[in-house]
Amino acid sequence: MYPFSKTIYNVDAYIVKVYPEGHRNYRFYQADYLYWLHQFLKTKPNKHGIQMNKGFIKIDMSHEIAMIGTNH
C-alpha cells in the first residue's frame, strides 16, 4: 500500500515507526509524532477563517508480524 496509497486508494498515508520510551530511537519517534500532530490536527483556515478537525488512523500490525513464519 505505502508509498502508493494515494494513487491506488486515494489515501495519503505515511508510516511512523513507534519506539518505546527508553529505546535509543525513541527521539526519532517523538520528532515524527510531533511533526505529524502539527500537520494533521487541523486543516488550514478556509476563506471564513474556520479550521476543521483532522485525525489519524492507527493500524496495529503486531499480530500479523507475529504470525509470519507460522502455519496460521
C-alpha atoms as a PDB file:
ATOM      1  CA  MET A   1       0.000   0.000   0.000  1.00  0.00           C
ATOM      2  CA  TYR A   2       2.500   2.639   1.104  1.00  0.00           C
ATOM      3  CA  PRO A   3       4.079   4.562  -0.706  1.00  0.00           C
ATOM      4  CA  PHE A   4       1.460   4.252  -3.490  1.00  0.00           C
ATOM      5  CA  SER A   5      -1.577   4.546  -1.222  1.00  0.00           C
ATOM      6  CA  LYS A   6      -2.638   7.931  -2.635  1.00  0.00           C
ATOM      7  CA  THR A   7      -2.582   6.678  -6.226  1.00  0.00           C
ATOM      8  CA  ILE A   8      -4.205   3.312  -5.554  1.00  0.00           C
ATOM      9  CA  TYR A   9      -6.612   4.026  -2.658  1.00  0.00           C
ATOM     10  CA  ASN A  10      -6.812   7.845  -2.553  1.00  0.00           C
ATOM     11  CA  VAL A  11      -5.391   7.702   0.995  1.00  0.00           C
ATOM     12  CA  ASP A  12      -2.471   9.970   1.827  1.00  0.00           C
ATOM     13  CA  ALA A  13      -0.691   7.532   4.160  1.00  0.00           C
ATOM     14  CA  TYR A  14       2.601   7.872   5.983  1.00  0.00           C
ATOM     15  CA  ILE A  15       4.282   5.368   8.269  1.00  0.00           C
ATOM     16  CA  VAL A  16       5.596   6.444  11.662  1.00  0.00           C
ATOM     17  CA  LYS A  17       7.588   3.714  13.376  1.00  0.00           C
ATOM     18  CA  VAL A  18       6.862   3.676  17.111  1.00  0.00           C
ATOM     19  CA  TYR A  19       9.699   3.027  19.546  1.00  0.00           C
ATOM     20  CA  PRO A  20       9.086   2.547  23.274  1.00  0.00           C
ATOM     21  CA  GLU A  21      10.335   5.089  25.779  1.00  0.00           C
ATOM     22  CA  GLY A  22      13.923   4.269  26.666  1.00  0.00           C
ATOM     23  CA  HIS A  23      14.718   2.848  23.210  1.00  0.00           C
ATOM     24  CA  ARG A  24      17.684   4.506  21.505  1.00  0.00           C
ATOM     25  CA  ASN A  25      15.438   5.605  18.581  1.00  0.00           C
ATOM     26  CA  TYR A  26      12.599   6.915  20.757  1.00  0.00           C
ATOM     27  CA  ARG A  27      13.632  10.504  19.995  1.00  0.00           C
ATOM     28  CA  PHE A  28      13.029   9.887  16.273  1.00  0.00           C
ATOM     29  CA  TYR A  29       9.528   8.637  17.012  1.00  0.00           C
ATOM     30  CA  GLN A  30       8.834  11.696  19.192  1.00  0.00           C
ATOM     31  CA  ALA A  31      10.055  14.050  16.458  1.00  0.00           C
ATOM     32  CA  ASP A  32       7.910  12.326  13.803  1.00  0.00           C
ATOM     33  CA  TYR A  33       4.904  12.245  16.133  1.00  0.00           C
ATOM     34  CA  LEU A  34       5.097  15.972  16.896  1.00  0.00           C
ATOM     35  CA  TYR A  35       5.584  16.826  13.223  1.00  0.00           C
ATOM     36  CA  TRP A  36       2.541  14.856  12.104  1.00  0.00           C
ATOM     37  CA  LEU A  37       0.472  16.045  15.049  1.00  0.00           C
ATOM     38  CA  HIS A  38       1.087  19.614  13.920  1.00  0.00           C
ATOM     39  CA  GLN A  39       0.369  18.744  10.279  1.00  0.00           C
ATOM     40  CA  PHE A  40      -2.850  16.795  10.872  1.00  0.00           C
ATOM     41  CA  LEU A  41      -4.587  18.258  13.902  1.00  0.00           C
ATOM     42  CA  LYS A  42      -6.495  20.901  11.940  1.00  0.00           C
ATOM     43  CA  THR A  43      -6.921  21.992   8.330  1.00  0.00           C
ATOM     44  CA  LYS A  44      -5.701  25.344   7.112  1.00  0.00           C
ATOM     45  CA  PRO A  45      -8.291  28.070   7.738  1.00  0.00           C
ATOM     46  CA  ASN A  46     -10.805  28.391   4.918  1.00  0.00           C
ATOM     47  CA  LYS A  47     -11.886  31.758   3.460  1.00  0.00           C
ATOM     48  CA  HIS A  48     -14.087  32.292   6.543  1.00  0.00           C
ATOM     49  CA  GLY A  49     -11.223  31.547   8.924  1.00  0.00           C
ATOM     50  CA  ILE A  50     -12.723  28.211  10.008  1.00  0.00           C
ATOM     51  CA  GLN A  51     -10.462  25.237  10.652  1.00  0.00           C
ATOM     52  CA  MET A  52     -11.762  21.686  10.511  1.00  0.00           C
ATOM     53  CA  ASN A  53     -10.566  18.804  12.688  1.00  0.00           C
ATOM     54  CA  LYS A  54      -8.419  16.135  11.059  1.00  0.00           C
ATOM     55  CA  GLY A  55      -7.203  12.878  12.510  1.00  0.00           C
ATOM     56  CA  PHE A  56      -5.078   9.765  12.425  1.00  0.00           C
ATOM     57  CA  ILE A  57      -5.752   6.118  11.737  1.00  0.00           C
ATOM     58  CA  LYS A  58      -3.690   3.712  13.800  1.00  0.00           C
ATOM     59  CA  ILE A  59      -3.080   0.279  12.314  1.00  0.00           C
ATOM     60  CA  ASP A  60      -1.595  -2.259  14.711  1.00  0.00           C
ATOM     61  CA  MET A  61       0.291  -4.858  12.697  1.00  0.00           C
ATOM     62  CA  SER A  62       1.877  -6.653  15.661  1.00  0.00           C
ATOM     63  CA  HIS A  63      -0.463  -9.660  15.357  1.00  0.00           C
ATOM     64  CA  GLU A  64       0.277 -10.101  11.647  1.00  0.00           C
ATOM     65  CA  ILE A  65       4.021  -9.737  12.215  1.00  0.00           C
ATOM     66  CA  ALA A  66       3.892 -12.367  14.974  1.00  0.00           C
ATOM     67  CA  MET A  67       2.094 -14.723  12.572  1.00  0.00           C
ATOM     68  CA  ILE A  68       4.807 -14.595   9.897  1.00  0.00           C
ATOM     69  CA  GLY A  69       6.561 -17.926   9.704  1.00  0.00           C
ATOM     70  CA  THR A  70       3.771 -19.869  11.405  1.00  0.00           C
ATOM     71  CA  ASN A  71       1.178 -22.174   9.851  1.00  0.00           C
ATOM     72  CA  HIS A  72      -1.760 -19.941  10.884  1.00  0.00           C
END
